[in-house]
Amino acid sequence: SVGQISKGEFFDFYLDTEYFGNISMELNARFPTGIRILEVRSLPLKIPSLNSSINLIYYEVNIAPEQIKKPLDFSDRTPIYVQAKTDKKNILESLESISLKDNTLYGGLYFGKGKVNIYELLAHLTDSTVESAKVYKITRTTMYVQKEGALYSPMEVK
């Protein structure tokens, strides 16, 4: 996403013809510094795109503890709604985990339609707007497919 740092991304691309070269080496030679392909796999065309299968994303947010105005304890499971562009979303339906250590907020958010995004969560926690929440340094650390209680890399799911 624009405005976020990422420690790992997945992307799909399709070739019209069979390719026998070293695609990662050839693309890495052309990418800007800091962007590198670490792994390439050939996947069947019938599976959904890697990004469409991702449903759990972990984040780290640099934020001072005093900037967080709402409690991080959601153990009572009382619904907490935030107003999104077109509807209300329940934070608890999106939140997998959350903790604060020193000046870093760690969170896991379920991803998909009707789920709270990181900016909406930060706006709620800081009692601010989604636009104001975009000032924080956000790092997307890992992305998974959670399926039947287990976590998988999107490249593992078939």
N, C-alpha and C. Protein backbone atom coordinates (compact mmCIF):
# COMPACT_ATOMS: atom_id res chain seq x y z
N SER A 1 0.83 -1.20 0.00
CA SER A 1 0.00 0.00 0.00
C SER A 1 0.86 1.25 0.00
N VAL A 2 0.38 2.28 -0.59
CA VAL A 2 1.08 3.55 -0.62
C VAL A 2 1.20 4.07 0.80
N GLY A 3 2.38 4.57 1.16
CA GLY A 3 2.57 5.14 2.48
C GLY A 3 2.99 4.13 3.53
N GLN A 4 3.23 2.90 3.14
CA GLN A 4 3.65 1.87 4.08
C GLN A 4 4.96 1.27 3.62
N ILE A 5 5.75 0.86 4.60
CA ILE A 5 6.97 0.10 4.33
C ILE A 5 6.57 -1.37 4.38
N SER A 6 7.22 -2.18 3.59
CA SER A 6 6.90 -3.59 3.62
C SER A 6 8.18 -4.42 3.68
N LYS A 7 8.14 -5.44 4.51
CA LYS A 7 9.27 -6.37 4.59
C LYS A 7 9.05 -7.60 3.73
N GLY A 8 7.93 -7.66 3.06
CA GLY A 8 7.67 -8.80 2.20
C GLY A 8 6.38 -8.61 1.42
N GLU A 9 6.45 -8.77 0.14
CA GLU A 9 5.29 -8.63 -0.73
C GLU A 9 5.20 -9.86 -1.62
N PHE A 10 4.03 -10.06 -2.16
CA PHE A 10 3.80 -11.10 -3.14
C PHE A 10 3.20 -10.43 -4.37
N PHE A 11 3.58 -10.90 -5.53
CA PHE A 11 2.89 -10.42 -6.72
C PHE A 11 2.83 -11.52 -7.75
N ASP A 12 1.79 -11.45 -8.54
CA ASP A 12 1.56 -12.41 -9.60
C ASP A 12 1.93 -11.75 -10.92
N PHE A 13 2.51 -12.51 -11.80
CA PHE A 13 2.57 -12.06 -13.18
C PHE A 13 2.50 -13.28 -14.08
N TYR A 14 1.99 -13.04 -15.26
CA TYR A 14 1.72 -14.12 -16.20
C TYR A 14 2.55 -13.92 -17.44
N LEU A 15 3.05 -15.00 -17.98
CA LEU A 15 3.84 -14.96 -19.20
C LEU A 15 3.05 -15.59 -20.35
N ASP A 16 3.20 -15.02 -21.52
CA ASP A 16 2.50 -15.55 -22.70
C ASP A 16 3.16 -16.82 -23.23
N THR A 17 4.45 -16.94 -22.99
CA THR A 17 5.18 -18.12 -23.47
C THR A 17 6.03 -18.69 -22.35
N GLU A 18 6.45 -19.91 -22.51
CA GLU A 18 7.29 -20.55 -21.50
C GLU A 18 8.63 -19.83 -21.45
N TYR A 19 9.14 -19.67 -20.24
CA TYR A 19 10.38 -18.93 -20.03
C TYR A 19 11.41 -19.84 -19.38
N PHE A 20 12.61 -19.86 -19.90
CA PHE A 20 13.64 -20.77 -19.39
C PHE A 20 14.80 -20.05 -18.72
N GLY A 21 14.77 -18.72 -18.67
CA GLY A 21 15.85 -17.96 -18.03
C GLY A 21 15.68 -17.90 -16.52
N ASN A 22 16.51 -17.07 -15.89
CA ASN A 22 16.43 -16.85 -14.44
C ASN A 22 15.70 -15.53 -14.23
N ILE A 23 14.39 -15.62 -14.11
CA ILE A 23 13.55 -14.41 -14.06
C ILE A 23 13.87 -13.54 -12.86
N SER A 24 14.14 -14.13 -11.70
CA SER A 24 14.42 -13.29 -10.52
C SER A 24 15.73 -12.54 -10.69
N MET A 25 16.76 -13.18 -11.22
CA MET A 25 18.04 -12.50 -11.42
C MET A 25 17.88 -11.36 -12.44
N GLU A 26 17.16 -11.62 -13.50
CA GLU A 26 17.00 -10.62 -14.55
C GLU A 26 16.15 -9.43 -14.08
N LEU A 27 15.10 -9.70 -13.31
CA LEU A 27 14.29 -8.59 -12.79
C LEU A 27 15.04 -7.83 -11.70
N ASN A 28 15.74 -8.53 -10.82
CA ASN A 28 16.49 -7.85 -9.76
C ASN A 28 17.52 -6.89 -10.33
N ALA A 29 18.10 -7.21 -11.47
CA ALA A 29 19.08 -6.33 -12.10
C ALA A 29 18.44 -5.01 -12.55
N ARG A 30 17.13 -4.99 -12.71
CA ARG A 30 16.43 -3.80 -13.20
C ARG A 30 15.65 -3.05 -12.11
N PHE A 31 15.45 -3.69 -10.97
CA PHE A 31 14.69 -3.06 -9.88
C PHE A 31 15.51 -2.01 -9.16
N PRO A 32 14.84 -1.02 -8.55
CA PRO A 32 15.56 -0.02 -7.74
C PRO A 32 16.20 -0.69 -6.52
N THR A 33 17.18 -0.03 -5.96
CA THR A 33 17.83 -0.50 -4.75
C THR A 33 16.78 -0.72 -3.66
N GLY A 34 16.88 -1.83 -2.96
CA GLY A 34 15.97 -2.12 -1.86
C GLY A 34 14.79 -3.00 -2.25
N ILE A 35 14.57 -3.17 -3.53
CA ILE A 35 13.51 -4.06 -3.98
C ILE A 35 14.16 -5.27 -4.63
N ARG A 36 13.89 -6.41 -4.07
CA ARG A 36 14.50 -7.65 -4.55
C ARG A 36 13.49 -8.78 -4.57
N ILE A 37 13.55 -9.59 -5.60
CA ILE A 37 12.77 -10.82 -5.64
C ILE A 37 13.59 -11.89 -4.93
N LEU A 38 13.00 -12.49 -3.92
CA LEU A 38 13.70 -13.50 -3.14
C LEU A 38 13.34 -14.92 -3.57
N GLU A 39 12.13 -15.07 -4.09
CA GLU A 39 11.69 -16.41 -4.46
C GLU A 39 10.70 -16.32 -5.62
N VAL A 40 10.82 -17.25 -6.52
CA VAL A 40 9.91 -17.34 -7.66
C VAL A 40 9.39 -18.76 -7.72
N ARG A 41 8.10 -18.88 -7.93
CA ARG A 41 7.49 -20.20 -8.11
C ARG A 41 6.53 -20.15 -9.28
N SER A 42 6.49 -21.22 -9.98
CA SER A 42 5.51 -21.38 -11.04
C SER A 42 4.27 -22.01 -10.42
N LEU A 43 3.14 -21.38 -10.61
CA LEU A 43 1.89 -21.86 -10.04
C LEU A 43 0.87 -22.10 -11.15
N PRO A 44 -0.03 -23.02 -10.94
CA PRO A 44 -1.06 -23.26 -11.96
C PRO A 44 -1.95 -22.04 -12.16
N LEU A 45 -2.41 -21.85 -13.38
CA LEU A 45 -3.29 -20.72 -13.68
C LEU A 45 -4.62 -20.79 -12.96
N LYS A 46 -5.04 -21.97 -12.56
CA LYS A 46 -6.38 -22.13 -11.97
C LYS A 46 -6.49 -21.61 -10.54
N ILE A 47 -5.35 -21.38 -9.85
CA ILE A 47 -5.45 -20.90 -8.47
C ILE A 47 -5.68 -19.39 -8.46
N PRO A 48 -6.33 -18.87 -7.42
CA PRO A 48 -6.55 -17.42 -7.33
C PRO A 48 -5.21 -16.68 -7.20
N SER A 49 -5.23 -15.40 -7.47
CA SER A 49 -4.02 -14.60 -7.33
C SER A 49 -3.52 -14.68 -5.89
N LEU A 50 -2.21 -14.52 -5.73
CA LEU A 50 -1.62 -14.59 -4.39
C LEU A 50 -2.23 -13.53 -3.48
N ASN A 51 -2.33 -12.30 -3.96
CA ASN A 51 -2.85 -11.23 -3.13
C ASN A 51 -4.31 -11.44 -2.74
N SER A 52 -5.09 -12.07 -3.60
CA SER A 52 -6.50 -12.28 -3.27
C SER A 52 -6.68 -13.36 -2.20
N SER A 53 -5.65 -14.16 -1.98
CA SER A 53 -5.76 -15.22 -0.97
C SER A 53 -5.31 -14.75 0.42
N ILE A 54 -4.60 -13.65 0.50
CA ILE A 54 -4.10 -13.14 1.78
C ILE A 54 -5.27 -12.67 2.64
N ASN A 55 -5.32 -13.16 3.89
CA ASN A 55 -6.41 -12.73 4.77
C ASN A 55 -5.94 -12.36 6.18
N LEU A 56 -4.63 -12.30 6.39
CA LEU A 56 -4.08 -11.88 7.69
C LEU A 56 -2.77 -11.15 7.45
N ILE A 57 -2.69 -9.94 7.96
CA ILE A 57 -1.50 -9.10 7.77
C ILE A 57 -1.03 -8.60 9.13
N TYR A 58 0.29 -8.69 9.36
CA TYR A 58 0.89 -8.18 10.59
C TYR A 58 1.60 -6.87 10.31
N TYR A 59 1.46 -5.95 11.26
CA TYR A 59 2.02 -4.61 11.14
C TYR A 59 2.84 -4.24 12.36
N GLU A 60 3.77 -3.33 12.15
CA GLU A 60 4.46 -2.62 13.23
C GLU A 60 4.27 -1.13 12.94
N VAL A 61 3.89 -0.39 13.98
CA VAL A 61 3.65 1.05 13.82
C VAL A 61 4.48 1.79 14.85
N ASN A 62 5.31 2.72 14.39
CA ASN A 62 6.06 3.56 15.32
C ASN A 62 5.11 4.62 15.87
N ILE A 63 4.85 4.52 17.17
CA ILE A 63 3.90 5.45 17.80
C ILE A 63 4.25 5.56 19.28
N ALA A 64 4.25 6.77 19.79
CA ALA A 64 4.52 6.98 21.20
C ALA A 64 3.30 6.51 22.01
N PRO A 65 3.53 5.84 23.14
CA PRO A 65 2.41 5.34 23.95
C PRO A 65 1.40 6.42 24.32
N GLU A 66 1.85 7.65 24.56
CA GLU A 66 0.92 8.71 24.95
C GLU A 66 0.01 9.15 23.79
N GLN A 67 0.32 8.76 22.57
CA GLN A 67 -0.54 9.09 21.44
C GLN A 67 -1.74 8.15 21.35
N ILE A 68 -1.67 7.03 22.03
CA ILE A 68 -2.78 6.08 22.03
C ILE A 68 -3.75 6.48 23.13
N LYS A 69 -4.95 6.83 22.73
CA LYS A 69 -5.96 7.37 23.65
C LYS A 69 -6.97 6.33 24.11
N LYS A 70 -7.02 5.19 23.44
CA LYS A 70 -8.00 4.15 23.77
C LYS A 70 -7.27 2.92 24.31
N PRO A 71 -7.94 2.16 25.18
CA PRO A 71 -7.28 0.95 25.72
C PRO A 71 -7.04 -0.09 24.63
N LEU A 72 -5.96 -0.84 24.80
CA LEU A 72 -5.62 -1.91 23.86
C LEU A 72 -6.17 -3.26 24.31
N ASP A 73 -6.84 -3.27 25.43
CA ASP A 73 -7.41 -4.52 25.95
C ASP A 73 -8.82 -4.70 25.38
N PHE A 74 -8.95 -5.68 24.50
CA PHE A 74 -10.23 -5.96 23.87
C PHE A 74 -10.79 -7.29 24.37
N SER A 75 -10.36 -7.72 25.55
CA SER A 75 -10.71 -9.06 26.04
C SER A 75 -12.19 -9.22 26.38
N ASP A 76 -12.90 -8.14 26.65
CA ASP A 76 -14.33 -8.30 26.98
C ASP A 76 -15.18 -8.55 25.73
N ARG A 77 -14.58 -8.42 24.55
CA ARG A 77 -15.21 -8.73 23.26
C ARG A 77 -16.43 -7.86 22.95
N THR A 78 -16.56 -6.72 23.60
CA THR A 78 -17.63 -5.79 23.29
C THR A 78 -17.35 -5.18 21.91
N PRO A 79 -18.33 -5.23 20.99
CA PRO A 79 -18.09 -4.67 19.66
C PRO A 79 -17.69 -3.20 19.71
N ILE A 80 -16.73 -2.84 18.89
CA ILE A 80 -16.28 -1.45 18.77
C ILE A 80 -16.37 -1.11 17.29
N TYR A 81 -17.26 -0.19 16.96
CA TYR A 81 -17.49 0.14 15.56
C TYR A 81 -16.76 1.41 15.17
N VAL A 82 -16.21 1.41 13.97
CA VAL A 82 -15.64 2.61 13.39
C VAL A 82 -16.39 2.89 12.10
N GLN A 83 -16.51 4.16 11.79
CA GLN A 83 -17.19 4.55 10.55
C GLN A 83 -16.19 4.53 9.42
N ALA A 84 -16.42 3.69 8.45
CA ALA A 84 -15.60 3.66 7.24
C ALA A 84 -16.27 4.54 6.20
N LYS A 85 -15.76 4.56 4.98
CA LYS A 85 -16.32 5.42 3.95
C LYS A 85 -17.81 5.18 3.73
N THR A 86 -18.20 3.90 3.67
CA THR A 86 -19.59 3.61 3.31
C THR A 86 -20.38 2.89 4.39
N ASP A 87 -19.71 2.32 5.39
CA ASP A 87 -20.44 1.57 6.41
C ASP A 87 -19.65 1.54 7.72
N LYS A 88 -20.24 0.90 8.71
CA LYS A 88 -19.56 0.74 9.99
C LYS A 88 -18.88 -0.62 10.02
N LYS A 89 -17.69 -0.66 10.63
CA LYS A 89 -16.93 -1.90 10.74
C LYS A 89 -16.62 -2.16 12.21
N ASN A 90 -16.71 -3.41 12.61
CA ASN A 90 -16.40 -3.81 13.97
C ASN A 90 -14.92 -4.15 14.07
N ILE A 91 -14.19 -3.42 14.88
CA ILE A 91 -12.76 -3.65 15.04
C ILE A 91 -12.48 -5.08 15.48
N LEU A 92 -13.28 -5.62 16.37
CA LEU A 92 -13.01 -6.96 16.89
C LEU A 92 -13.08 -8.05 15.83
N GLU A 93 -13.87 -7.84 14.79
CA GLU A 93 -13.94 -8.82 13.70
C GLU A 93 -12.69 -8.79 12.83
N SER A 94 -11.90 -7.74 12.97
CA SER A 94 -10.70 -7.57 12.15
C SER A 94 -9.42 -7.84 12.92
N LEU A 95 -9.48 -7.76 14.24
CA LEU A 95 -8.28 -7.79 15.07
C LEU A 95 -7.88 -9.21 15.45
N GLU A 96 -6.69 -9.62 15.04
CA GLU A 96 -6.15 -10.92 15.41
C GLU A 96 -5.30 -10.79 16.68
N SER A 97 -4.50 -9.71 16.74
CA SER A 97 -3.66 -9.46 17.91
C SER A 97 -3.27 -8.00 17.95
N ILE A 98 -2.93 -7.54 19.17
CA ILE A 98 -2.46 -6.16 19.31
C ILE A 98 -1.66 -6.05 20.60
N SER A 99 -0.53 -5.32 20.53
CA SER A 99 0.27 -5.08 21.73
C SER A 99 1.15 -3.85 21.48
N LEU A 100 1.60 -3.27 22.57
CA LEU A 100 2.46 -2.09 22.50
C LEU A 100 3.69 -2.37 23.34
N LYS A 101 4.85 -2.17 22.73
CA LYS A 101 6.11 -2.31 23.46
C LYS A 101 7.00 -1.14 23.06
N ASP A 102 7.46 -0.43 24.07
CA ASP A 102 8.24 0.78 23.85
C ASP A 102 7.46 1.70 22.92
N ASN A 103 7.99 2.07 21.78
CA ASN A 103 7.31 2.97 20.87
C ASN A 103 6.80 2.25 19.62
N THR A 104 6.49 0.97 19.77
CA THR A 104 6.02 0.19 18.63
C THR A 104 4.72 -0.53 18.96
N LEU A 105 3.73 -0.30 18.12
CA LEU A 105 2.46 -1.01 18.20
C LEU A 105 2.55 -2.20 17.25
N TYR A 106 2.29 -3.39 17.75
CA TYR A 106 2.29 -4.61 16.95
C TYR A 106 0.85 -5.06 16.79
N GLY A 107 0.46 -5.35 15.57
CA GLY A 107 -0.92 -5.77 15.36
C GLY A 107 -1.07 -6.72 14.20
N GLY A 108 -2.00 -7.64 14.36
CA GLY A 108 -2.38 -8.53 13.28
C GLY A 108 -3.82 -8.22 12.92
N LEU A 109 -4.07 -7.95 11.65
CA LEU A 109 -5.41 -7.62 11.19
C LEU A 109 -5.86 -8.60 10.11
N TYR A 110 -7.07 -9.12 10.29
CA TYR A 110 -7.66 -9.91 9.23
C TYR A 110 -7.98 -8.96 8.09
N PHE A 111 -7.77 -9.42 6.90
CA PHE A 111 -7.85 -8.58 5.72
C PHE A 111 -8.96 -9.06 4.81
N GLY A 112 -9.73 -8.14 4.28
CA GLY A 112 -10.78 -8.49 3.32
C GLY A 112 -11.96 -7.55 3.42
N LYS A 113 -12.97 -7.85 2.66
CA LYS A 113 -14.17 -7.01 2.60
C LYS A 113 -14.81 -6.89 3.99
N GLY A 114 -15.11 -5.68 4.38
CA GLY A 114 -15.76 -5.43 5.67
C GLY A 114 -14.82 -5.40 6.86
N LYS A 115 -13.53 -5.56 6.62
CA LYS A 115 -12.56 -5.55 7.72
C LYS A 115 -11.95 -4.16 7.88
N VAL A 116 -11.54 -3.85 9.08
CA VAL A 116 -10.89 -2.58 9.41
C VAL A 116 -9.47 -2.60 8.85
N ASN A 117 -9.05 -1.52 8.24
CA ASN A 117 -7.65 -1.45 7.79
C ASN A 117 -6.80 -0.77 8.86
N ILE A 118 -5.51 -0.78 8.67
CA ILE A 118 -4.58 -0.27 9.69
C ILE A 118 -4.83 1.21 9.99
N TYR A 119 -5.19 1.98 8.99
CA TYR A 119 -5.44 3.41 9.21
C TYR A 119 -6.71 3.64 10.04
N GLU A 120 -7.73 2.85 9.78
CA GLU A 120 -8.97 2.96 10.56
C GLU A 120 -8.72 2.55 12.01
N LEU A 121 -7.92 1.51 12.22
CA LEU A 121 -7.58 1.10 13.59
C LEU A 121 -6.80 2.20 14.30
N LEU A 122 -5.79 2.75 13.63
CA LEU A 122 -4.99 3.83 14.24
C LEU A 122 -5.84 5.06 14.53
N ALA A 123 -6.74 5.40 13.63
CA ALA A 123 -7.62 6.55 13.86
C ALA A 123 -8.45 6.33 15.12
N HIS A 124 -8.96 5.12 15.30
CA HIS A 124 -9.73 4.81 16.51
C HIS A 124 -8.84 4.92 17.75
N LEU A 125 -7.68 4.29 17.73
CA LEU A 125 -6.81 4.24 18.91
C LEU A 125 -6.28 5.61 19.30
N THR A 126 -6.07 6.48 18.32
CA THR A 126 -5.50 7.80 18.60
C THR A 126 -6.57 8.89 18.69
N ASP A 127 -7.83 8.49 18.53
CA ASP A 127 -8.93 9.45 18.57
C ASP A 127 -8.74 10.54 17.52
N SER A 128 -8.39 10.12 16.31
CA SER A 128 -8.13 11.07 15.23
C SER A 128 -8.86 10.60 13.97
N THR A 129 -8.48 11.16 12.85
CA THR A 129 -9.08 10.78 11.57
C THR A 129 -8.18 9.79 10.84
N VAL A 130 -8.75 9.15 9.84
CA VAL A 130 -7.97 8.23 9.01
C VAL A 130 -6.83 8.99 8.34
N GLU A 131 -7.10 10.18 7.84
CA GLU A 131 -6.04 10.98 7.21
C GLU A 131 -4.92 11.30 8.20
N SER A 132 -5.27 11.64 9.42
CA SER A 132 -4.26 11.94 10.44
C SER A 132 -3.44 10.71 10.79
N ALA A 133 -4.05 9.54 10.72
CA ALA A 133 -3.36 8.29 11.05
C ALA A 133 -2.29 7.94 10.02
N LYS A 134 -2.33 8.56 8.87
CA LYS A 134 -1.36 8.25 7.82
C LYS A 134 0.02 8.86 8.07
N VAL A 135 0.17 9.63 9.14
CA VAL A 135 1.47 10.21 9.44
C VAL A 135 2.41 9.22 10.13
N TYR A 136 1.87 8.14 10.67
CA TYR A 136 2.70 7.19 11.40
C TYR A 136 3.50 6.30 10.45
N LYS A 137 4.69 5.93 10.89
CA LYS A 137 5.52 5.01 10.11
C LYS A 137 4.96 3.60 10.31
N ILE A 138 4.38 3.05 9.26
CA ILE A 138 3.74 1.74 9.31
C ILE A 138 4.56 0.76 8.48
N THR A 139 4.89 -0.37 9.08
CA THR A 139 5.60 -1.42 8.36
C THR A 139 4.73 -2.66 8.33
N ARG A 140 4.46 -3.13 7.14
CA ARG A 140 3.75 -4.39 6.98
C ARG A 140 4.83 -5.48 7.03
N THR A 141 4.78 -6.30 8.08
CA THR A 141 5.89 -7.24 8.30
C THR A 141 5.68 -8.60 7.64
N THR A 142 4.48 -9.13 7.70
CA THR A 142 4.21 -10.43 7.09
C THR A 142 2.76 -10.51 6.65
N MET A 143 2.53 -11.34 5.65
CA MET A 143 1.18 -11.56 5.14
C MET A 143 0.97 -13.07 5.03
N TYR A 144 -0.21 -13.50 5.46
CA TYR A 144 -0.50 -14.93 5.49
C TYR A 144 -1.88 -15.22 4.92
N VAL A 145 -2.05 -16.50 4.67
CA VAL A 145 -3.37 -17.06 4.43
C VAL A 145 -3.66 -17.91 5.65
N GLN A 146 -4.71 -17.55 6.37
CA GLN A 146 -5.12 -18.39 7.50
C GLN A 146 -6.23 -19.30 6.98
N LYS A 147 -5.99 -20.59 7.10
CA LYS A 147 -6.93 -21.57 6.57
C LYS A 147 -7.01 -22.73 7.54
N GLU A 148 -8.22 -23.01 7.99
CA GLU A 148 -8.47 -24.11 8.92
C GLU A 148 -7.55 -24.04 10.15
N GLY A 149 -7.37 -22.81 10.67
CA GLY A 149 -6.60 -22.61 11.90
C GLY A 149 -5.10 -22.58 11.73
N ALA A 150 -4.59 -22.78 10.53
CA ALA A 150 -3.14 -22.77 10.30
C ALA A 150 -2.77 -21.58 9.42
N LEU A 151 -1.52 -21.13 9.55
CA LEU A 151 -1.01 -20.02 8.74
C LEU A 151 -0.14 -20.56 7.62
N TYR A 152 -0.34 -20.01 6.43
CA TYR A 152 0.42 -20.41 5.26
C TYR A 152 0.92 -19.18 4.52
N SER A 153 2.04 -19.32 3.84
CA SER A 153 2.45 -18.34 2.88
C SER A 153 1.47 -18.42 1.72
N PRO A 154 1.14 -17.31 1.07
CA PRO A 154 0.24 -17.39 -0.08
C PRO A 154 0.77 -18.33 -1.17
N MET A 155 2.06 -18.52 -1.21
CA MET A 155 2.65 -19.42 -2.21
C MET A 155 2.48 -20.88 -1.85
N GLU A 156 2.07 -21.17 -0.61
CA GLU A 156 1.86 -22.56 -0.20
C GLU A 156 0.43 -23.05 -0.44
N VAL A 157 -0.49 -22.12 -0.58
CA VAL A 157 -1.90 -22.50 -0.68
C VAL A 157 -2.23 -22.87 -2.13
N LYS A 158 -2.88 -23.99 -2.26
CA LYS A 158 -3.26 -24.44 -3.61
C LYS A 158 -4.72 -24.74 -3.65
